[in-house]
Every structure is written in C-alpha cells, then in structure tokens.
C-alpha atoms as a PDB file:
ATOM      1  CA  ALA A   1      14.102 -52.303  21.967  1.00  0.00           C
ATOM      2  CA  ARG A   2      16.152 -49.080  22.244  1.00  0.00           C
ATOM      3  CA  ASP A   3      19.067 -50.705  20.485  1.00  0.00           C
ATOM      4  CA  GLY A   4      16.838 -51.786  17.722  1.00  0.00           C
ATOM      5  CA  LYS A   5      15.454 -48.575  16.954  1.00  0.00           C
ATOM      6  CA  GLU A   6      18.889 -46.997  16.885  1.00  0.00           C
ATOM      7  CA  ALA A   7      19.918 -49.721  14.475  1.00  0.00           C
ATOM      8  CA  GLU A   8      16.881 -49.063  12.268  1.00  0.00           C
ATOM      9  CA  GLY A   9      17.793 -45.197  12.232  1.00  0.00           C
ATOM     10  CA  LYS A  10      21.374 -45.928  11.287  1.00  0.00           C
ATOM     11  CA  GLU A  11      20.247 -48.101   8.395  1.00  0.00           C
ATOM     12  CA  LYS A  12      17.846 -45.471   7.040  1.00  0.00           C
ATOM     13  CA  GLU A  13      20.703 -42.803   7.233  1.00  0.00           C
ATOM     14  CA  GLU A  14      23.027 -44.999   5.326  1.00  0.00           C
ATOM     15  CA  GLU A  15      20.299 -45.761   2.640  1.00  0.00           C
ATOM     16  CA  GLU A  16      19.677 -41.995   2.079  1.00  0.00           C
ATOM     17  CA  ASP A  17      23.539 -41.328   1.881  1.00  0.00           C
ATOM     18  CA  THR A  18      23.770 -43.958  -0.765  1.00  0.00           C
ATOM     19  CA  ILE A  19      20.833 -42.516  -2.699  1.00  0.00           C
ATOM     20  CA  THR A  20      22.456 -39.149  -2.381  1.00  0.00           C
ATOM     21  CA  GLN A  21      25.780 -40.491  -3.514  1.00  0.00           C
ATOM     22  CA  ASN A  22      24.252 -42.088  -6.483  1.00  0.00           C
ATOM     23  CA  THR A  23      22.202 -38.926  -7.459  1.00  0.00           C
ATOM     24  CA  ILE A  24      23.387 -37.040 -10.478  1.00  0.00           C
ATOM     25  CA  ILE A  25      22.247 -33.342 -11.096  1.00  0.00           C
ATOM     26  CA  LEU A  26      21.953 -32.747 -14.858  1.00  0.00           C
ATOM     27  CA  SER A  27      22.175 -29.481 -16.470  1.00  0.00           C
ATOM     28  CA  SER A  28      19.264 -28.615 -18.934  1.00  0.00           C
ATOM     29  CA  GLY A  29      19.244 -30.149 -22.181  1.00  0.00           C
ATOM     30  CA  LYS A  30      18.476 -33.535 -23.875  1.00  0.00           C
ATOM     31  CA  TYR A  31      20.029 -36.797 -22.737  1.00  0.00           C
ATOM     32  CA  VAL A  32      20.232 -40.131 -24.134  1.00  0.00           C
ATOM     33  CA  MET A  33      20.003 -42.820 -21.515  1.00  0.00           C
ATOM     34  CA  GLN A  34      21.028 -46.441 -22.005  1.00  0.00           C
ATOM     35  CA  ALA A  35      20.179 -49.359 -19.584  1.00  0.00           C
ATOM     36  CA  THR A  36      21.867 -52.581 -20.290  1.00  0.00           C
ATOM     37  CA  PHE A  37      21.059 -55.883 -18.482  1.00  0.00           C
ATOM     38  CA  ILE A  38      23.720 -58.553 -18.205  1.00  0.00           C
ATOM     39  CA  PRO A  39      22.431 -61.806 -16.808  1.00  0.00           C
ATOM     40  CA  LEU A  40      24.524 -64.009 -14.663  1.00  0.00           C
ATOM     41  CA  ASP A  41      23.397 -67.013 -16.736  1.00  0.00           C
ATOM     42  CA  LEU A  42      24.637 -66.034 -20.138  1.00  0.00           C
ATOM     43  CA  TRP A  43      24.121 -69.617 -21.229  1.00  0.00           C
ATOM     44  CA  ASN A  44      20.404 -69.429 -21.001  1.00  0.00           C
ATOM     45  CA  TYR A  45      19.821 -65.704 -21.270  1.00  0.00           C
ATOM     46  CA  ASN A  46      20.809 -62.955 -23.705  1.00  0.00           C
ATOM     47  CA  GLU A  47      21.769 -59.488 -22.781  1.00  0.00           C
ATOM     48  CA  GLY A  48      19.196 -56.702 -22.990  1.00  0.00           C
ATOM     49  CA  SER A  49      19.382 -52.980 -23.407  1.00  0.00           C
ATOM     50  CA  LEU A  50      16.986 -50.030 -23.632  1.00  0.00           C
ATOM     51  CA  VAL A  51      17.599 -46.463 -24.775  1.00  0.00           C
ATOM     52  CA  LYS A  52      15.592 -43.505 -23.803  1.00  0.00           C
ATOM     53  CA  THR A  53      15.814 -39.838 -24.307  1.00  0.00           C
ATOM     54  CA  ILE A  54      15.160 -37.436 -21.444  1.00  0.00           C
ATOM     55  CA  VAL A  55      14.727 -33.625 -21.369  1.00  0.00           C
ATOM     56  CA  VAL A  56      16.050 -31.622 -18.385  1.00  0.00           C
ATOM     57  CA  GLU A  57      14.061 -28.249 -18.629  1.00  0.00           C
ATOM     58  CA  LYS A  58      15.287 -24.951 -17.057  1.00  0.00           C
ATOM     59  CA  LEU A  59      13.985 -24.082 -13.709  1.00  0.00           C
ATOM     60  CA  PRO A  60      11.479 -21.301 -13.958  1.00  0.00           C
ATOM     61  CA  VAL A  61      11.732 -17.950 -11.775  1.00  0.00           C
ATOM     62  CA  ASP A  62       8.955 -16.562 -10.112  1.00  0.00           C
ATOM     63  CA  LEU A  63       8.897 -12.739  -9.451  1.00  0.00           C
ATOM     64  CA  ALA A  64       7.031 -11.231  -6.836  1.00  0.00           C
ATOM     65  CA  TYR A  65       6.168  -7.671  -7.871  1.00  0.00           C
ATOM     66  CA  GLY A  66       3.181  -5.628  -7.081  1.00  0.00           C
ATOM     67  CA  PRO A  67       0.311  -4.681  -7.090  1.00  0.00           C
ATOM     68  CA  PHE A  68       1.022  -1.173  -6.067  1.00  0.00           C
ATOM     69  CA  PRO A  69      -1.309   1.399  -4.366  1.00  0.00           C
ATOM     70  CA  ASP A  70      -2.228   4.389  -6.516  1.00  0.00           C
ATOM     71  CA  LEU A  71       0.001   7.423  -6.631  1.00  0.00           C
ATOM     72  CA  TYR A  72      -0.469  11.057  -7.185  1.00  0.00           C
ATOM     73  CA  TYR A  73       1.366  13.198  -9.671  1.00  0.00           C
ATOM     74  CA  GLY A  74       4.377  14.397  -7.782  1.00  0.00           C
ATOM     75  CA  ASP A  75       5.047  11.080  -6.004  1.00  0.00           C
ATOM     76  CA  ALA A  76       8.507   9.567  -6.725  1.00  0.00           C
ATOM     77  CA  LEU A  77       8.801   5.847  -7.581  1.00  0.00           C
ATOM     78  CA  THR A  78      11.269   5.327  -4.740  1.00  0.00           C
ATOM     79  CA  LYS A  79       8.647   4.271  -2.256  1.00  0.00           C
ATOM     80  CA  ALA A  80       6.534   2.251  -4.711  1.00  0.00           C
ATOM     81  CA  LEU A  81       8.810  -0.375  -6.266  1.00  0.00           C
ATOM     82  CA  HIS A  82       9.864  -3.687  -4.521  1.00  0.00           C
ATOM     83  CA  CYS A  83      10.670  -7.006  -6.187  1.00  0.00           C
ATOM     84  CA  THR A  84      11.802 -10.409  -5.195  1.00  0.00           C
ATOM     85  CA  ALA A  85      12.682 -13.511  -7.125  1.00  0.00           C
ATOM     86  CA  SER A  86      12.134 -17.071  -6.071  1.00  0.00           C
ATOM     87  CA  ILE A  87      13.421 -20.151  -7.677  1.00  0.00           C
ATOM     88  CA  THR A  88      12.115 -23.654  -6.854  1.00  0.00           C
ATOM     89  CA  GLY A  89      13.786 -24.453  -3.514  1.00  0.00           C
ATOM     90  CA  TYR A  90      15.659 -21.163  -3.280  1.00  0.00           C
ATOM     91  CA  ALA A  91      15.036 -17.572  -2.335  1.00  0.00           C
ATOM     92  CA  ALA A  92      16.554 -14.456  -3.943  1.00  0.00           C
ATOM     93  CA  ASN A  93      17.832 -11.690  -1.657  1.00  0.00           C
ATOM     94  CA  PHE A  94      15.623  -8.669  -1.124  1.00  0.00           C
ATOM     95  CA  LEU A  95      16.654  -5.328  -2.831  1.00  0.00           C
ATOM     96  CA  PRO A  96      18.719  -3.334  -0.483  1.00  0.00           C
ATOM     97  CA  ASN A  97      15.899  -0.826  -0.284  1.00  0.00           C
ATOM     98  CA  ASP A  98      12.511  -0.142  -1.915  1.00  0.00           C
ATOM     99  CA  ALA A  99      13.994   1.870  -4.782  1.00  0.00           C
ATOM    100  CA  ALA A 100      13.517   0.927  -8.269  1.00  0.00           C
ATOM    101  CA  ILE A 101      17.048   0.084  -9.094  1.00  0.00           C
ATOM    102  CA  SER A 102      19.073  -2.841 -10.675  1.00  0.00           C
ATOM    103  CA  ALA A 103      20.472  -5.000  -7.941  1.00  0.00           C
ATOM    104  CA  ASP A 104      22.509  -8.235  -7.973  1.00  0.00           C
ATOM    105  CA  SER A 105      20.642 -11.086  -6.111  1.00  0.00           C
ATOM    106  CA  THR A 106      21.897 -14.482  -5.223  1.00  0.00           C
ATOM    107  CA  PHE A 107      21.005 -15.913  -8.739  1.00  0.00           C
ATOM    108  CA  GLY A 108      21.015 -12.901 -11.093  1.00  0.00           C
ATOM    109  CA  THR A 109      20.094  -9.420 -11.706  1.00  0.00           C
ATOM    110  CA  PHE A 110      16.810  -7.182 -11.621  1.00  0.00           C
ATOM    111  CA  HIS A 111      16.407  -4.723 -14.384  1.00  0.00           C
ATOM    112  CA  PHE A 112      13.485  -2.203 -14.080  1.00  0.00           C
ATOM    113  CA  ASN A 113      12.071   0.035 -16.883  1.00  0.00           C
ATOM    114  CA  GLN A 114      11.814   3.054 -14.665  1.00  0.00           C
ATOM    115  CA  SER A 115      14.558   4.955 -13.044  1.00  0.00           C
ATOM    116  CA  PRO A 116      14.855   5.584  -9.173  1.00  0.00           C
ATOM    117  CA  ASN A 117      13.000   8.669  -8.126  1.00  0.00           C
ATOM    118  CA  ALA A 118      11.191   8.881 -11.403  1.00  0.00           C
ATOM    119  CA  ILE A 119       7.962  11.069 -11.342  1.00  0.00           C
ATOM    120  CA  LEU A 120       5.417   9.804 -13.808  1.00  0.00           C
ATOM    121  CA  LYS A 121       2.674  11.714 -15.682  1.00  0.00           C
ATOM    122  CA  ALA A 122      -0.949  11.133 -14.650  1.00  0.00           C
ATOM    123  CA  GLY A 123      -2.370   8.126 -16.189  1.00  0.00           C
ATOM    124  CA  THR A 124      -1.824   4.269 -16.034  1.00  0.00           C
ATOM    125  CA  HIS A 125       1.756   3.120 -16.646  1.00  0.00           C
ATOM    126  CA  ASP A 126       3.339  -0.345 -17.111  1.00  0.00           C
ATOM    127  CA  LEU A 127       5.969  -1.065 -14.567  1.00  0.00           C
ATOM    128  CA  VAL A 128       8.168  -3.845 -15.917  1.00  0.00           C
ATOM    129  CA  VAL A 129      10.774  -5.695 -14.156  1.00  0.00           C
ATOM    130  CA  LYS A 130      13.149  -8.347 -15.786  1.00  0.00           C
ATOM    131  CA  TYR A 131      15.350 -10.881 -14.070  1.00  0.00           C
ATOM    132  CA  THR A 132      18.355 -12.426 -15.681  1.00  0.00           C
ATOM    133  CA  PRO A 133      19.864 -15.331 -13.986  1.00  0.00           C
ATOM    134  CA  ILE A 134      23.642 -15.832 -13.648  1.00  0.00           C
ATOM    135  CA  ASP A 135      23.183 -19.497 -14.704  1.00  0.00           C
ATOM    136  CA  LYS A 136      21.354 -18.987 -17.950  1.00  0.00           C
ATOM    137  CA  THR A 137      21.953 -22.733 -18.921  1.00  0.00           C
ATOM    138  CA  ASN A 138      19.545 -23.944 -16.000  1.00  0.00           C
ATOM    139  CA  PHE A 139      17.444 -21.069 -15.024  1.00  0.00           C
ATOM    140  CA  GLU A 140      15.047 -19.114 -17.186  1.00  0.00           C
ATOM    141  CA  ASP A 141      14.705 -15.330 -17.572  1.00  0.00           C
ATOM    142  CA  ALA A 142      11.623 -13.801 -16.007  1.00  0.00           C
ATOM    143  CA  GLU A 143       9.606 -10.865 -16.758  1.00  0.00           C
ATOM    144  CA  VAL A 144       6.657  -9.374 -15.331  1.00  0.00           C
ATOM    145  CA  THR A 145       4.457  -6.161 -15.969  1.00  0.00           C
ATOM    146  CA  VAL A 146       2.285  -4.546 -13.363  1.00  0.00           C
ATOM    147  CA  PRO A 147       0.139  -1.572 -13.971  1.00  0.00           C
ATOM    148  CA  LEU A 148       0.580   1.571 -11.893  1.00  0.00           C
ATOM    149  CA  LYS A 149      -2.109   4.324 -11.672  1.00  0.00           C
ATOM    150  CA  ILE A 150      -0.905   7.907 -11.188  1.00  0.00           C
ATOM    151  CA  LYS A 151      -3.882  10.137 -10.160  1.00  0.00           C
ATOM    152  CA  ARG A 152      -4.116  13.855 -11.032  1.00  0.00           C
ATOM    153  CA  HIS A 153      -2.787  16.061  -8.070  1.00  0.00           C
ATOM    154  CA  GLU A 154      -5.534  18.142  -6.387  1.00  0.00           C
ATOM    155  CA  PRO A 155      -4.171  21.544  -5.748  1.00  0.00           C
ATOM    156  CA  VAL A 156      -4.566  22.670  -2.214  1.00  0.00           C
ATOM    157  CA  VAL A 157      -6.017  26.259  -1.881  1.00  0.00           C
ATOM    158  CA  ASP A 158      -5.793  28.584   0.994  1.00  0.00           C
ATOM    159  CA  TRP A 159      -8.878  30.902   1.203  1.00  0.00           C
ATOM    160  CA  PRO A 160      -9.799  31.921   4.612  1.00  0.00           C
ATOM    161  CA  ASN A 161     -13.417  32.717   5.279  1.00  0.00           C
ATOM    162  CA  PRO A 162     -13.993  36.507   4.394  1.00  0.00           C
ATOM    163  CA  LYS A 163     -14.840  38.870   7.121  1.00  0.00           C
ATOM    164  CA  ALA A 164     -18.266  40.530   7.252  1.00  0.00           C
ATOM    165  CA  ILE A 165     -18.737  43.886   5.538  1.00  0.00           C
ATOM    166  CA  ARG A 166     -21.430  46.478   5.711  1.00  0.00           C
ATOM    167  CA  TYR A 167     -24.021  47.247   3.139  1.00  0.00           C
ATOM    168  CA  SER A 168     -22.607  49.501   0.315  1.00  0.00           C
ATOM    169  CA  GLU A 169     -19.051  48.229   0.991  1.00  0.00           C
ATOM    170  CA  LEU A 170     -17.294  46.828  -2.052  1.00  0.00           C
ATOM    171  CA  LEU A 171     -15.435  43.507  -2.464  1.00  0.00           C
ATOM    172  CA  THR A 172     -11.646  43.989  -2.649  1.00  0.00           C
ATOM    173  CA  THR A 173      -8.620  41.577  -2.770  1.00  0.00           C
ATOM    174  CA  LYS A 174      -9.010  41.227   0.920  1.00  0.00           C
ATOM    175  CA  HIS A 175     -11.927  38.971   0.287  1.00  0.00           C
ATOM    176  CA  LEU A 176     -10.919  37.543  -3.028  1.00  0.00           C
ATOM    177  CA  ASN A 177      -7.465  36.357  -1.748  1.00  0.00           C
ATOM    178  CA  ALA A 178      -7.296  32.647  -2.544  1.00  0.00           C
ATOM    179  CA  ALA A 179      -3.811  31.207  -2.919  1.00  0.00           C
ATOM    180  CA  ILE A 180      -2.641  27.947  -4.616  1.00  0.00           C
ATOM    181  CA  ARG A 181      -0.109  26.054  -2.670  1.00  0.00           C
ATOM    182  CA  LYS A 182       2.868  24.230  -4.339  1.00  0.00           C
ATOM    183  CA  ASN A 183       2.617  20.847  -5.044  1.00  0.00           C
ATOM    184  CA  SER A 184       4.979  19.874  -2.120  1.00  0.00           C
ATOM    185  CA  ARG A 185       5.093  16.037  -2.552  1.00  0.00           C
ATOM    186  CA  ASP A 186       8.481  15.183  -4.108  1.00  0.00           C
ATOM    187  CA  ILE A 187       8.624  17.900  -6.787  1.00  0.00           C
ATOM    188  CA  ASN A 188       7.699  21.174  -4.784  1.00  0.00           C
ATOM    189  CA  GLU A 189       6.444  22.735  -7.964  1.00  0.00           C
ATOM    190  CA  LYS A 190       4.576  25.983  -8.212  1.00  0.00           C
ATOM    191  CA  ILE A 191       1.193  25.244  -9.805  1.00  0.00           C
ATOM    192  CA  THR A 192       0.231  27.832 -12.399  1.00  0.00           C
ATOM    193  CA  GLY A 193      -3.172  28.405 -13.852  1.00  0.00           C
ATOM    194  CA  GLU A 194      -6.210  30.793 -13.995  1.00  0.00           C
ATOM    195  CA  LEU A 195      -7.922  31.753 -10.867  1.00  0.00           C
ATOM    196  CA  THR A 196     -11.407  33.326 -11.182  1.00  0.00           C
ATOM    197  CA  TYR A 197     -14.156  34.307  -8.984  1.00  0.00           C
ATOM    198  CA  SER A 198     -18.027  34.510  -9.294  1.00  0.00           C
ATOM    199  CA  HIS A 199     -17.792  38.153  -8.170  1.00  0.00           C
ATOM    200  CA  THR A 200     -15.087  40.675  -9.151  1.00  0.00           C
ATOM    201  CA  THR A 201     -13.431  43.379  -6.898  1.00  0.00           C
ATOM    202  CA  GLY A 202     -15.658  46.429  -6.784  1.00  0.00           C
ATOM    203  CA  HIS A 203     -18.802  44.280  -6.634  1.00  0.00           C
ATOM    204  CA  ARG A 204     -21.707  45.672  -4.272  1.00  0.00           C
ATOM    205  CA  PHE A 205     -24.078  43.192  -2.974  1.00  0.00           C
ATOM    206  CA  PRO A 206     -27.722  44.563  -3.247  1.00  0.00           C
ATOM    207  CA  ASN A 207     -29.027  43.556   0.102  1.00  0.00           C
ATOM    208  CA  VAL A 208     -27.856  42.470   3.545  1.00  0.00           C
ATOM    209  CA  GLY A 209     -27.737  38.791   4.303  1.00  0.00           C
ATOM    210  CA  ARG A 210     -25.119  35.840   3.621  1.00  0.00           C
ATOM    211  CA  HIS A 211     -23.833  35.697   0.171  1.00  0.00           C
ATOM    212  CA  LYS A 212     -21.991  33.030  -1.727  1.00  0.00           C
ATOM    213  CA  LEU A 213     -18.386  33.717  -3.096  1.00  0.00           C
ATOM    214  CA  GLU A 214     -17.215  31.127  -5.478  1.00  0.00           C
ATOM    215  CA  MET A 215     -13.660  30.409  -6.702  1.00  0.00           C
ATOM    216  CA  LYS A 216     -12.502  28.263  -9.634  1.00  0.00           C
ATOM    217  CA  PHE A 217      -8.938  27.348 -10.399  1.00  0.00           C
ATOM    218  CA  VAL A 218      -7.960  25.971 -13.793  1.00  0.00           C
ATOM    219  CA  PRO A 219      -4.578  24.591 -13.896  1.00  0.00           C
ATOM    220  CA  GLU A 220      -2.258  25.182 -16.924  1.00  0.00           C
ATOM    221  CA  ASP A 221      -1.384  21.587 -16.784  1.00  0.00           C
ATOM    222  CA  GLY A 222      -4.723  20.112 -16.899  1.00  0.00           C
ATOM    223  CA  PHE A 223      -3.275  16.728 -17.483  1.00  0.00           C
ATOM    224  CA  ASN A 224      -1.512  16.377 -14.201  1.00  0.00           C
ATOM    225  CA  TYR A 225      -3.598  18.700 -12.091  1.00  0.00           C
ATOM    226  CA  SER A 226      -7.266  18.738 -11.247  1.00  0.00           C
ATOM    227  CA  THR A 227      -9.500  21.825 -11.377  1.00  0.00           C
ATOM    228  CA  ILE A 228     -10.590  23.073  -8.106  1.00  0.00           C
ATOM    229  CA  GLU A 229     -13.825  24.884  -7.054  1.00  0.00           C
ATOM    230  CA  LEU A 230     -14.493  26.229  -3.646  1.00  0.00           C
ATOM    231  CA  THR A 231     -17.266  28.234  -2.123  1.00  0.00           C
ATOM    232  CA  ARG A 232     -17.126  30.709   0.793  1.00  0.00           C
ATOM    233  CA  GLU A 233     -19.792  32.789   2.352  1.00  0.00           C
ATOM    234  CA  ILE A 234     -19.569  36.529   3.272  1.00  0.00           C
ATOM    235  CA  SER A 235     -22.033  38.374   5.574  1.00  0.00           C
ATOM    236  CA  VAL A 236     -23.233  41.659   4.641  1.00  0.00           C
ATOM    237  CA  ARG A 237     -24.602  43.651   7.636  1.00  0.00           C
ATOM    238  CA  ARG A 238     -26.916  46.698   7.891  1.00  0.00           C
ATOM    239  CA  TYR A 239     -25.269  50.130   7.362  1.00  0.00           C
ATOM    240  CA  PRO A 240     -25.453  52.219  10.476  1.00  0.00           C
ATOM    241  CA  ILE A 241     -26.318  55.418   8.612  1.00  0.00           C
ATOM    242  CA  GLN A 242     -25.893  58.833  10.451  1.00  0.00           C
ATOM    243  CA  VAL A 243     -26.917  62.192   9.542  1.00  0.00           C
ATOM    244  CA  PHE A 244     -24.482  65.295   9.950  1.00  0.00           C
ATOM    245  CA  TRP A 245     -25.595  68.976   9.931  1.00  0.00           C
ATOM    246  CA  GLU A 246     -23.753  72.063  10.903  1.00  0.00           C
ATOM    247  CA  ARG A 247     -25.765  75.008  12.331  1.00  0.00           C
ATOM    248  CA  PRO A 248     -26.867  77.251   9.294  1.00  0.00           C
ATOM    249  CA  GLU A 249     -26.164  80.922   9.150  1.00  0.00           C
ATOM    250  CA  GLU A 250     -29.027  82.930  10.278  1.00  0.00           C
ATOM    251  CA  ILE A 251     -31.313  84.375   7.657  1.00  0.00           C
ATOM    252  CA  PHE A 252     -33.952  87.387   7.626  1.00  0.00           C
ATOM    253  CA  GLU A 253     -37.541  87.105   8.276  1.00  0.00           C
ATOM    254  CA  GLY A 254     -39.475  86.495   5.051  1.00  0.00           C
ATOM    255  CA  ALA A 255     -36.569  84.583   3.289  1.00  0.00           C
ATOM    256  CA  LYS A 256     -37.306  81.091   2.065  1.00  0.00           C
ATOM    257  CA  LEU A 257     -35.207  78.041   3.217  1.00  0.00           C
ATOM    258  CA  THR A 258     -32.955  76.869   0.503  1.00  0.00           C
ATOM    259  CA  GLU A 259     -30.229  74.218  -0.085  1.00  0.00           C
ATOM    260  CA  GLU A 260     -27.886  76.916   1.637  1.00  0.00           C
ATOM    261  CA  GLN A 261     -29.465  76.034   4.896  1.00  0.00           C
ATOM    262  CA  LEU A 262     -30.691  72.646   4.164  1.00  0.00           C
ATOM    263  CA  ASN A 263     -27.239  71.116   3.524  1.00  0.00           C
ATOM    264  CA  ALA A 264     -27.096  68.001   5.835  1.00  0.00           C
ATOM    265  CA  THR A 265     -24.978  65.064   4.745  1.00  0.00           C
ATOM    266  CA  THR A 266     -24.731  61.416   5.720  1.00  0.00           C
ATOM    267  CA  ASN A 267     -21.846  58.876   6.194  1.00  0.00           C
ATOM    268  CA  PHE A 268     -23.282  56.725   3.436  1.00  0.00           C
ATOM    269  CA  PRO A 269     -20.904  56.860   0.473  1.00  0.00           C
ATOM    270  CA  ASP A 270     -22.519  58.258  -2.700  1.00  0.00           C
ATOM    271  CA  LEU A 271     -26.101  58.304  -1.663  1.00  0.00           C
ATOM    272  CA  THR A 272     -28.570  58.083  -4.448  1.00  0.00           C
ATOM    273  CA  ASP A 273     -32.365  57.999  -4.471  1.00  0.00           C
ATOM    274  CA  GLU A 274     -32.200  54.269  -5.155  1.00  0.00           C
ATOM    275  CA  ASP A 275     -31.123  53.854  -1.493  1.00  0.00           C
ATOM    276  CA  GLY A 276     -32.950  56.818   0.189  1.00  0.00           C
ATOM    277  CA  ARG A 277     -33.366  60.481   0.606  1.00  0.00           C
ATOM    278  CA  LEU A 278     -33.038  63.176   3.290  1.00  0.00           C
ATOM    279  CA  PHE A 279     -36.202  64.880   4.206  1.00  0.00           C
ATOM    280  CA  TYR A 280     -36.186  68.298   6.072  1.00  0.00           C
ATOM    281  CA  ASP A 281     -38.732  69.767   8.608  1.00  0.00           C
ATOM    282  CA  PRO A 282     -39.565  72.493   7.723  1.00  0.00           C
ATOM    283  CA  PRO A 283     -38.877  71.847   4.032  1.00  0.00           C
ATOM    284  CA  ALA A 284     -37.125  73.880   1.313  1.00  0.00           C
ATOM    285  CA  GLY A 285     -39.157  77.027   0.317  1.00  0.00           C
ATOM    286  CA  LYS A 286     -40.633  77.412   3.764  1.00  0.00           C
ATOM    287  CA  LYS A 287     -40.565  81.133   5.304  1.00  0.00           C
ATOM    288  CA  LEU A 288     -39.930  81.190   8.907  1.00  0.00           C
ATOM    289  CA  GLU A 289     -40.855  83.968  11.450  1.00  0.00           C
ATOM    290  CA  SER A 290     -38.171  85.707  13.392  1.00  0.00           C
ATOM    291  CA  GLY A 291     -36.666  84.043  16.272  1.00  0.00           C
ATOM    292  CA  GLU A 292     -34.911  80.722  17.084  1.00  0.00           C
ATOM    293  CA  HIS A 293     -36.045  77.527  15.018  1.00  0.00           C
ATOM    294  CA  THR A 294     -35.375  73.903  15.443  1.00  0.00           C
ATOM    295  CA  LEU A 295     -34.848  72.306  12.030  1.00  0.00           C
ATOM    296  CA  LEU A 296     -34.814  68.413  11.677  1.00  0.00           C
ATOM    297  CA  CYS A 297     -33.368  66.292   8.969  1.00  0.00           C
ATOM    298  CA  THR A 298     -34.237  62.656   8.594  1.00  0.00           C
ATOM    299  CA  PHE A 299     -32.846  59.918   6.298  1.00  0.00           C
ATOM    300  CA  LYS A 300     -35.582  57.745   4.799  1.00  0.00           C
ATOM    301  CA  PRO A 301     -34.453  54.562   2.860  1.00  0.00           C
ATOM    302  CA  ALA A 302     -36.358  53.446  -0.314  1.00  0.00           C
ATOM    303  CA  ALA A 303     -38.981  50.873   0.378  1.00  0.00           C
ATOM    304  CA  GLU A 304     -37.166  48.117  -0.986  1.00  0.00           C
ATOM    305  CA  LYS A 305     -33.907  49.160   0.758  1.00  0.00           C
ATOM    306  CA  LYS A 306     -35.183  49.730   4.280  1.00  0.00           C
ATOM    307  CA  ASP A 307     -33.781  46.417   5.700  1.00  0.00           C
ATOM    308  CA  ASN A 308     -30.226  47.392   4.584  1.00  0.00           C
ATOM    309  CA  PHE A 309     -29.945  50.345   7.029  1.00  0.00           C
ATOM    310  CA  ASP A 310     -29.624  50.634  10.770  1.00  0.00           C
ATOM    311  CA  LEU A 311     -31.623  53.725  11.463  1.00  0.00           C
ATOM    312  CA  ARG A 312     -31.039  54.510  14.960  1.00  0.00           C
ATOM    313  CA  ASN A 313     -28.950  57.484  14.076  1.00  0.00           C
ATOM    314  CA  ALA A 314     -30.788  58.387  10.804  1.00  0.00           C
ATOM    315  CA  TYR A 315     -31.723  61.963  11.798  1.00  0.00           C
ATOM    316  CA  CYS A 316     -30.091  65.189  13.234  1.00  0.00           C
ATOM    317  CA  GLU A 317     -31.509  68.515  14.623  1.00  0.00           C
ATOM    318  CA  VAL A 318     -29.881  71.977  14.406  1.00  0.00           C
ATOM    319  CA  GLN A 319     -30.974  75.400  15.726  1.00  0.00           C
ATOM    320  CA  MET A 320     -31.264  78.383  13.277  1.00  0.00           C
ATOM    321  CA  PHE A 321     -31.964  82.070  14.108  1.00  0.00           C
ATOM    322  CA  VAL A 322     -34.203  84.143  11.846  1.00  0.00           C
ATOM    323  CA  ALA A 323     -33.707  87.739  12.124  1.00  0.00           C
ATOM    324  CA  PRO A 324     -36.545  90.154  12.146  1.00  0.00           C
ATOM    325  CA  THR A 325     -37.272  93.129   9.871  1.00  0.00           C
ATOM    326  CA  ARG A 326     -38.564  96.369  11.281  1.00  0.00           C
ATOM    327  CA  GLY A 327     -40.328  98.992   9.229  1.00  0.00           C
ATOM    328  CA  GLY A 328     -39.088  97.445   6.056  1.00  0.00           C
ATOM    329  CA  MET A 329     -35.575  97.391   7.362  1.00  0.00           C
ATOM    330  CA  LYS A 330     -33.709  94.376   8.027  1.00  0.00           C
ATOM    331  CA  SER A 331     -31.921  93.991  11.515  1.00  0.00           C
ATOM    332  CA  ARG A 332     -29.397  91.326  12.350  1.00  0.00           C
ATOM    333  CA  GLY A 333     -28.859  90.251  16.024  1.00  0.00           C
ATOM    334  CA  ARG A 334     -31.435  89.030  18.589  1.00  0.00           C
END
C-alpha cells in the first residue's frame, strides 16, 4: 500500500511538471490562436482547424493608502503618509519609513502629490499617490486619492488664577497676564493676535465677593488658528479700614473745634462719601471746657457699602487739653 501511494504521488508530480512545461505566459495584448486537427485516418477524415482571438489584459495594481486620522495645523505629514502596492499574487515592498516620498518598490515607483514634512493649511486636502510599474506592458498604472482633514490649531493659553485683592484695589497687569504659547507642534510658530479682557487695568469692583474675569484671544491667522475664550475668578475681600489721628494741639477754653483739631485720616485710598465718612465726638463747632478731653473719631460706611469693610479698627481716640482763661486772660499750661 505504501509503495502504491508513493507511486501515485510521483505520477502527480510528473503530471504537474508536464503542465508547467507546457504553460506559456503571454504578455498583454491580442493574440490569434489556431488549433489544427490532423486525423490519423486521412482517407476517411478531413483535417480541421479553428481560429480564435484572445486578449491578455494588464494586471491591475491595488494601492493600500489611508484613511488617515485628522491632523492639526502644524503637524507635518511625515507621520501621516504610508502606502503599499499589491499585484495579483505579489506584494510590493513597504516604504523605507512613513515619510511621504517617492521610493522604488519591487515593481515600480510611488509618486506623492505632497512633499515630505509638508505642513498643510487648515481644511480638507486630497492626498494623491500614483504608482508607475516598471513593466508597463503587463501592469497597469494605479492612482488613489484620499481626503485628509487638517483642523485649526487651538492656541494654548497660560493664565494663572489671580490672587485675591481687597476692596478698592485696582486690577493690574498682575491679574490680566494671560500669555499665548507658541504652536510647538512641528513649526514652533509664535501665534499673533488680539488679546482682550472683560475688565481693563484700573478697574475697581463695586463690591466684595467673587467676580468673573474673561479673556478672549482672536488670532491674526483666523484660518489656521481658533479663537480662544477663558474665564477666571478673582476674590475681592473686605477692606480692613483703620483710623489714624495724632494728638491735636491744645486750644483755649471757649474756642470751637475745627478741622485743625478734627483731622483724622484713614488707610483707605481716596475716601469719598460714596464709601463712607468720618464722624467725630464731640463734633466740629463744639466748645469745650478747660481740662483734658478724650476725642473719638469713627468711620461709618455708606449703607450700601457696609459689607465691603472690616470695621474692627474703624475708630481712634486721642487726648486733647483745653487751656483755661482767667479774668478774661488766656493762660496756657495745666
């Protein structure tokens, strides 16, 4: 049985070899084939022939190209393009790397419509690759187009949360200090544009609490860069107001209190009646008897502004001596 199987296998191999030896591979084109039959018995049978035309077509080339993930403006094409070609029964070499370059393969050459490391503008672009086989007689040229979307680059903004301020403090560049980073993808490009804020430097918030600060960056190149808007919060805290008052010079009995004595100040910048006033006890115009007196000054905020102040040190006391007059004569000293 074993010898029989071996013999059968050998016969099959010899048959395949015979078929292979009798196989003719034709180049593409049109061929006229004629078959002639010559009978052994020419006395009773005539010869016969048949003519046929056959067409050998070129082998098609299939390109494996894309699809590609979306890129952002600033991304070079080096990492995006890759193509392989396949022909029935064969496989072309891969590109030496992922670059968009022309490279010889086993059967021909790739040609790309984009250059290596090209940086495309935002939008949708057609990436075209053409394949030219070396044997143009038997293989077809191939071409494929794949869309590639380039998104606008979103600028990165550095804007730290602003530190808290006290009521009456003005906004400065320490608070409005947003900075636009470069496009550091493959072009390392400085992004120019207009940077604006919802509040300007010198702005004074009317009340304590948390207030929103908004920033908007409009790039000069609005085609390739997106507009960016950010929001931050700044805390405005109560102002710890203090009253300062130096001891007034002594006056004579019968003299009225004036601004010369009632001249206290506060640590609040540019105090106006809109925020509050200083009140004295005794008030201006009061005549005091001779002797040592205690004067009191208190800051009282306007009703709508009372929550803006820390009033724990909003008062001050001073001592003032009123010199007596005797027999119509003024006498200094105690």
